[in-house]
Structures are given as C-alpha cells and as structure tokens.
Amino acid sequence: FRTIPIVIVAFQFGAVIIYFVFVSENLTPYFSKLSPEGARWAWMIFITPLYVSLSWIRTMKYIGLISFAAELAILTGIGITGVIGIVQISRDVVPGLALNVNLSPPWMTLPLM
C-alpha cells in the first residue's frame, strides 16, 4: 500500500536533483571566475534554500505580484533585445548582415505540392 507514495517521492526527488544539476551547469560558465573550483556545487547549495522556501507557498495569491513583475521584466528584456537587433541590422553594425538579406524561413522555399 505504501509502494506508490514511495515511488512518487523517489521520482520527484530525482527530478529535483536533475533540475538542480541543469541550473547549476547553465549558471556556472557565467560566474566561474568567482570560484572556478566547485562552482557547480556552490550554485546547487545556493539555490536549494530558495526552492525549498518557494515550495512552502500554498496559494498563488502571495506570489502574484512578484510573478507579474517578473513577466514585465521578461517582456521588457525581449522588447529591448528586439529593438537593438533591428537597429543593428538596419545600420549594418553586424558585418555582412544587411536588410537586403533574405530573412524568410527556409521552409517557405520548399514546394508543398
């Protein structure tokens, strides 16, 4: 009778460990100059209390305003990146990439029939 809850807990624990490794592997190259030795473990230890404390939130009404601010920050970053990219392409800042380049996706040139 306790087999299913044990399997669920083991699966969730494994998924969390894999996610922590994924996050630390992706953050390590950006901050490896701070601590080149063991930077991966440092990130895993740093993010564990954050995720544990966030898992104790029972309702989303407490995190709604923070989530909204995060979404606005993401959309602002995407907008700024898009505008800077368009400006750089139009001013030919990126060498060899001018506006006369065919920017249509490759699948548009395939015959469909």
N, C-alpha and C. Protein backbone atom coordinates (compact mmCIF):
# COMPACT_ATOMS: atom_id res chain seq x y z
N PHE A 1 0.81 -1.20 0.00
CA PHE A 1 0.00 0.00 0.00
C PHE A 1 0.85 1.27 0.00
N ARG A 2 2.05 1.18 0.47
CA ARG A 2 2.92 2.34 0.51
C ARG A 2 3.88 2.39 -0.67
N THR A 3 3.74 1.49 -1.59
CA THR A 3 4.67 1.44 -2.72
C THR A 3 4.51 2.66 -3.62
N ILE A 4 3.28 3.04 -3.92
CA ILE A 4 3.04 4.16 -4.84
C ILE A 4 3.55 5.47 -4.26
N PRO A 5 3.26 5.83 -3.01
CA PRO A 5 3.84 7.08 -2.48
C PRO A 5 5.37 7.07 -2.44
N ILE A 6 5.97 5.92 -2.16
CA ILE A 6 7.43 5.84 -2.13
C ILE A 6 8.00 6.06 -3.53
N VAL A 7 7.38 5.48 -4.54
CA VAL A 7 7.85 5.66 -5.91
C VAL A 7 7.67 7.11 -6.35
N ILE A 8 6.56 7.74 -5.97
CA ILE A 8 6.33 9.14 -6.33
C ILE A 8 7.37 10.05 -5.68
N VAL A 9 7.66 9.82 -4.40
CA VAL A 9 8.66 10.64 -3.70
C VAL A 9 10.03 10.43 -4.33
N ALA A 10 10.39 9.20 -4.65
CA ALA A 10 11.69 8.93 -5.27
C ALA A 10 11.79 9.58 -6.64
N PHE A 11 10.73 9.52 -7.43
CA PHE A 11 10.74 10.14 -8.75
C PHE A 11 10.86 11.66 -8.63
N GLN A 12 10.10 12.27 -7.73
CA GLN A 12 10.16 13.72 -7.56
C GLN A 12 11.53 14.15 -7.06
N PHE A 13 12.13 13.38 -6.15
CA PHE A 13 13.45 13.70 -5.65
C PHE A 13 14.48 13.65 -6.78
N GLY A 14 14.40 12.62 -7.61
CA GLY A 14 15.31 12.51 -8.75
C GLY A 14 15.13 13.65 -9.74
N ALA A 15 13.87 14.04 -9.99
CA ALA A 15 13.61 15.14 -10.92
C ALA A 15 14.17 16.45 -10.38
N VAL A 16 14.06 16.67 -9.08
CA VAL A 16 14.58 17.90 -8.48
C VAL A 16 16.10 17.92 -8.54
N ILE A 17 16.74 16.80 -8.27
CA ILE A 17 18.20 16.74 -8.33
C ILE A 17 18.68 17.01 -9.76
N ILE A 18 18.01 16.43 -10.74
CA ILE A 18 18.39 16.67 -12.14
C ILE A 18 18.18 18.13 -12.50
N TYR A 19 17.11 18.74 -12.02
CA TYR A 19 16.86 20.16 -12.30
C TYR A 19 17.94 21.03 -11.66
N PHE A 20 18.33 20.72 -10.43
CA PHE A 20 19.40 21.48 -9.77
C PHE A 20 20.70 21.37 -10.54
N VAL A 21 21.02 20.18 -11.03
CA VAL A 21 22.25 20.00 -11.82
C VAL A 21 22.16 20.80 -13.11
N PHE A 22 21.00 20.78 -13.76
CA PHE A 22 20.80 21.54 -15.00
C PHE A 22 20.99 23.03 -14.78
N VAL A 23 20.38 23.57 -13.71
CA VAL A 23 20.50 25.00 -13.42
C VAL A 23 21.94 25.36 -13.09
N SER A 24 22.59 24.55 -12.27
CA SER A 24 23.97 24.87 -11.89
C SER A 24 24.93 24.75 -13.07
N GLU A 25 24.69 23.79 -13.97
CA GLU A 25 25.54 23.67 -15.16
C GLU A 25 25.39 24.89 -16.07
N ASN A 26 24.20 25.46 -16.14
CA ASN A 26 23.97 26.61 -17.00
C ASN A 26 24.42 27.92 -16.36
N LEU A 27 24.48 27.99 -15.04
CA LEU A 27 24.92 29.21 -14.37
C LEU A 27 26.43 29.25 -14.15
N THR A 28 27.06 28.09 -14.10
CA THR A 28 28.49 28.02 -13.81
C THR A 28 29.36 28.78 -14.80
N PRO A 29 29.14 28.70 -16.12
CA PRO A 29 30.03 29.42 -17.04
C PRO A 29 30.01 30.93 -16.86
N TYR A 30 28.91 31.48 -16.40
CA TYR A 30 28.82 32.94 -16.25
C TYR A 30 29.53 33.44 -15.00
N PHE A 31 29.62 32.59 -13.99
CA PHE A 31 30.20 33.02 -12.72
C PHE A 31 31.40 32.17 -12.31
N SER A 32 32.04 31.50 -13.26
CA SER A 32 33.14 30.62 -12.92
C SER A 32 34.38 31.39 -12.47
N LYS A 33 34.49 32.68 -12.81
CA LYS A 33 35.65 33.46 -12.38
C LYS A 33 35.61 33.72 -10.87
N LEU A 34 34.40 33.72 -10.29
CA LEU A 34 34.29 33.95 -8.86
C LEU A 34 34.85 32.78 -8.06
N SER A 35 34.50 31.58 -8.46
CA SER A 35 35.04 30.39 -7.80
C SER A 35 35.17 29.28 -8.83
N PRO A 36 36.31 29.18 -9.47
CA PRO A 36 36.45 28.18 -10.52
C PRO A 36 36.35 26.74 -10.01
N GLU A 37 36.81 26.50 -8.80
CA GLU A 37 36.73 25.16 -8.23
C GLU A 37 35.41 25.00 -7.47
N GLY A 38 34.63 24.04 -7.85
CA GLY A 38 33.40 23.77 -7.13
C GLY A 38 32.29 24.76 -7.35
N ALA A 39 32.30 25.49 -8.46
CA ALA A 39 31.24 26.47 -8.70
C ALA A 39 29.89 25.78 -8.88
N ARG A 40 29.91 24.58 -9.44
CA ARG A 40 28.66 23.84 -9.64
C ARG A 40 28.01 23.53 -8.30
N TRP A 41 28.79 23.06 -7.35
CA TRP A 41 28.25 22.73 -6.03
C TRP A 41 27.80 23.99 -5.31
N ALA A 42 28.51 25.09 -5.51
CA ALA A 42 28.13 26.34 -4.87
C ALA A 42 26.74 26.77 -5.34
N TRP A 43 26.48 26.65 -6.63
CA TRP A 43 25.16 27.03 -7.14
C TRP A 43 24.08 26.10 -6.62
N MET A 44 24.39 24.82 -6.52
CA MET A 44 23.39 23.88 -6.01
C MET A 44 23.05 24.19 -4.56
N ILE A 45 24.06 24.53 -3.77
CA ILE A 45 23.82 24.87 -2.36
C ILE A 45 23.09 26.21 -2.25
N PHE A 46 23.39 27.14 -3.15
CA PHE A 46 22.76 28.46 -3.12
C PHE A 46 21.28 28.41 -3.49
N ILE A 47 20.91 27.61 -4.49
CA ILE A 47 19.52 27.62 -4.95
C ILE A 47 18.61 26.69 -4.16
N THR A 48 19.18 25.77 -3.39
CA THR A 48 18.33 24.84 -2.64
C THR A 48 17.43 25.55 -1.63
N PRO A 49 17.94 26.44 -0.77
CA PRO A 49 17.01 27.12 0.16
C PRO A 49 15.95 27.96 -0.55
N LEU A 50 16.32 28.54 -1.68
CA LEU A 50 15.35 29.33 -2.43
C LEU A 50 14.18 28.47 -2.90
N TYR A 51 14.48 27.32 -3.50
CA TYR A 51 13.42 26.45 -4.00
C TYR A 51 12.63 25.80 -2.87
N VAL A 52 13.29 25.47 -1.77
CA VAL A 52 12.58 24.88 -0.64
C VAL A 52 11.61 25.91 -0.04
N SER A 53 12.06 27.14 0.12
CA SER A 53 11.17 28.16 0.67
C SER A 53 10.02 28.48 -0.28
N LEU A 54 10.26 28.45 -1.58
CA LEU A 54 9.17 28.69 -2.54
C LEU A 54 8.18 27.54 -2.58
N SER A 55 8.63 26.34 -2.24
CA SER A 55 7.71 25.19 -2.26
C SER A 55 6.72 25.24 -1.10
N TRP A 56 6.97 26.05 -0.07
CA TRP A 56 6.06 26.15 1.06
C TRP A 56 4.91 27.10 0.80
N ILE A 57 4.90 27.80 -0.31
CA ILE A 57 3.79 28.71 -0.62
C ILE A 57 2.59 27.86 -1.03
N ARG A 58 1.51 28.01 -0.28
CA ARG A 58 0.35 27.16 -0.53
C ARG A 58 -0.60 27.73 -1.59
N THR A 59 -0.71 29.04 -1.67
CA THR A 59 -1.59 29.63 -2.67
C THR A 59 -0.79 30.62 -3.51
N MET A 60 -1.22 30.80 -4.72
CA MET A 60 -0.51 31.66 -5.66
C MET A 60 -0.80 33.15 -5.44
N LYS A 61 -1.77 33.48 -4.58
CA LYS A 61 -2.09 34.90 -4.37
C LYS A 61 -0.95 35.64 -3.69
N TYR A 62 -0.09 34.93 -2.98
CA TYR A 62 1.04 35.58 -2.31
C TYR A 62 2.18 35.86 -3.28
N ILE A 63 2.22 35.18 -4.38
CA ILE A 63 3.33 35.35 -5.32
C ILE A 63 2.88 36.03 -6.61
N GLY A 64 1.62 36.42 -6.68
CA GLY A 64 1.07 37.01 -7.89
C GLY A 64 1.74 38.30 -8.33
N LEU A 65 1.97 39.21 -7.39
CA LEU A 65 2.58 40.50 -7.73
C LEU A 65 4.03 40.31 -8.18
N ILE A 66 4.76 39.44 -7.51
CA ILE A 66 6.14 39.17 -7.89
C ILE A 66 6.19 38.51 -9.27
N SER A 67 5.27 37.59 -9.52
CA SER A 67 5.22 36.93 -10.82
C SER A 67 4.89 37.93 -11.93
N PHE A 68 3.98 38.85 -11.66
CA PHE A 68 3.64 39.87 -12.64
C PHE A 68 4.84 40.76 -12.95
N ALA A 69 5.57 41.15 -11.91
CA ALA A 69 6.77 41.97 -12.12
C ALA A 69 7.82 41.21 -12.93
N ALA A 70 7.96 39.93 -12.66
CA ALA A 70 8.91 39.12 -13.42
C ALA A 70 8.50 39.02 -14.89
N GLU A 71 7.22 38.85 -15.16
CA GLU A 71 6.75 38.80 -16.54
C GLU A 71 6.99 40.12 -17.26
N LEU A 72 6.77 41.24 -16.57
CA LEU A 72 7.04 42.53 -17.17
C LEU A 72 8.53 42.71 -17.47
N ALA A 73 9.38 42.23 -16.56
CA ALA A 73 10.82 42.32 -16.79
C ALA A 73 11.23 41.47 -17.99
N ILE A 74 10.66 40.29 -18.12
CA ILE A 74 10.98 39.42 -19.26
C ILE A 74 10.51 40.06 -20.57
N LEU A 75 9.30 40.57 -20.59
CA LEU A 75 8.79 41.20 -21.81
C LEU A 75 9.59 42.45 -22.17
N THR A 76 10.01 43.22 -21.16
CA THR A 76 10.85 44.39 -21.42
C THR A 76 12.18 43.98 -22.01
N GLY A 77 12.78 42.93 -21.47
CA GLY A 77 14.05 42.43 -22.00
C GLY A 77 13.93 41.93 -23.43
N ILE A 78 12.85 41.22 -23.72
CA ILE A 78 12.63 40.74 -25.09
C ILE A 78 12.43 41.93 -26.03
N GLY A 79 11.67 42.93 -25.60
CA GLY A 79 11.46 44.11 -26.43
C GLY A 79 12.74 44.87 -26.70
N ILE A 80 13.55 45.07 -25.66
CA ILE A 80 14.82 45.78 -25.83
C ILE A 80 15.75 45.01 -26.75
N THR A 81 15.81 43.69 -26.57
CA THR A 81 16.66 42.87 -27.43
C THR A 81 16.21 42.95 -28.88
N GLY A 82 14.89 42.92 -29.12
CA GLY A 82 14.39 43.02 -30.48
C GLY A 82 14.68 44.35 -31.12
N VAL A 83 14.49 45.43 -30.37
CA VAL A 83 14.76 46.76 -30.91
C VAL A 83 16.25 46.92 -31.22
N ILE A 84 17.12 46.49 -30.31
CA ILE A 84 18.56 46.59 -30.55
C ILE A 84 18.97 45.76 -31.76
N GLY A 85 18.39 44.57 -31.90
CA GLY A 85 18.70 43.74 -33.05
C GLY A 85 18.28 44.38 -34.36
N ILE A 86 17.09 44.96 -34.38
CA ILE A 86 16.61 45.61 -35.61
C ILE A 86 17.46 46.83 -35.94
N VAL A 87 17.83 47.60 -34.92
CA VAL A 87 18.66 48.78 -35.16
C VAL A 87 20.03 48.38 -35.68
N GLN A 88 20.61 47.34 -35.11
CA GLN A 88 21.93 46.90 -35.56
C GLN A 88 21.88 46.36 -36.99
N ILE A 89 20.83 45.65 -37.34
CA ILE A 89 20.71 45.14 -38.70
C ILE A 89 20.50 46.30 -39.67
N SER A 90 19.66 47.28 -39.30
CA SER A 90 19.38 48.37 -40.22
C SER A 90 20.59 49.29 -40.41
N ARG A 91 21.44 49.41 -39.42
CA ARG A 91 22.63 50.25 -39.55
C ARG A 91 23.85 49.47 -40.02
N ASP A 92 23.67 48.21 -40.31
CA ASP A 92 24.73 47.33 -40.79
C ASP A 92 25.89 47.26 -39.78
N VAL A 93 25.51 47.24 -38.48
CA VAL A 93 26.52 47.11 -37.42
C VAL A 93 27.09 45.69 -37.43
N VAL A 94 26.22 44.72 -37.69
CA VAL A 94 26.67 43.34 -37.78
C VAL A 94 27.24 43.15 -39.17
N PRO A 95 28.53 42.85 -39.31
CA PRO A 95 29.14 42.74 -40.64
C PRO A 95 28.51 41.64 -41.47
N GLY A 96 28.22 41.98 -42.71
CA GLY A 96 27.68 41.00 -43.65
C GLY A 96 26.20 40.76 -43.52
N LEU A 97 25.51 41.46 -42.62
CA LEU A 97 24.09 41.25 -42.44
C LEU A 97 23.38 42.58 -42.69
N ALA A 98 22.91 42.76 -43.89
CA ALA A 98 22.21 43.99 -44.24
C ALA A 98 20.73 43.67 -44.40
N LEU A 99 19.91 44.70 -44.62
CA LEU A 99 18.48 44.47 -44.76
C LEU A 99 18.09 43.77 -46.06
N ASN A 100 18.97 43.75 -47.04
CA ASN A 100 18.63 43.09 -48.29
C ASN A 100 18.83 41.57 -48.22
N VAL A 101 19.17 41.04 -47.07
CA VAL A 101 19.33 39.60 -46.89
C VAL A 101 17.95 38.97 -46.82
N ASN A 102 17.79 37.81 -47.44
CA ASN A 102 16.52 37.11 -47.41
C ASN A 102 16.32 36.51 -46.02
N LEU A 103 15.40 37.08 -45.25
CA LEU A 103 15.15 36.63 -43.89
C LEU A 103 13.96 35.68 -43.80
N SER A 104 13.44 35.22 -44.92
CA SER A 104 12.32 34.29 -44.88
C SER A 104 12.82 32.91 -44.45
N PRO A 105 11.98 32.17 -43.75
CA PRO A 105 12.41 30.85 -43.30
C PRO A 105 12.64 29.91 -44.48
N PRO A 106 13.55 28.94 -44.32
CA PRO A 106 13.86 28.04 -45.44
C PRO A 106 12.68 27.20 -45.91
N TRP A 107 11.74 26.91 -45.02
CA TRP A 107 10.62 26.07 -45.44
C TRP A 107 9.69 26.80 -46.40
N MET A 108 9.78 28.14 -46.48
CA MET A 108 8.94 28.89 -47.41
C MET A 108 9.32 28.61 -48.86
N THR A 109 10.57 28.21 -49.10
CA THR A 109 11.02 27.97 -50.47
C THR A 109 10.76 26.54 -50.93
N LEU A 110 10.29 25.67 -50.04
CA LEU A 110 10.04 24.28 -50.42
C LEU A 110 8.72 24.17 -51.19
N PRO A 111 8.68 23.34 -52.22
CA PRO A 111 7.40 23.11 -52.91
C PRO A 111 6.48 22.25 -52.03
N LEU A 112 5.27 22.70 -51.86
CA LEU A 112 4.34 21.98 -50.99
C LEU A 112 3.52 20.95 -51.74
N MET A 113 3.37 21.06 -53.04
CA MET A 113 2.58 20.10 -53.80
C MET A 113 3.42 19.35 -54.78
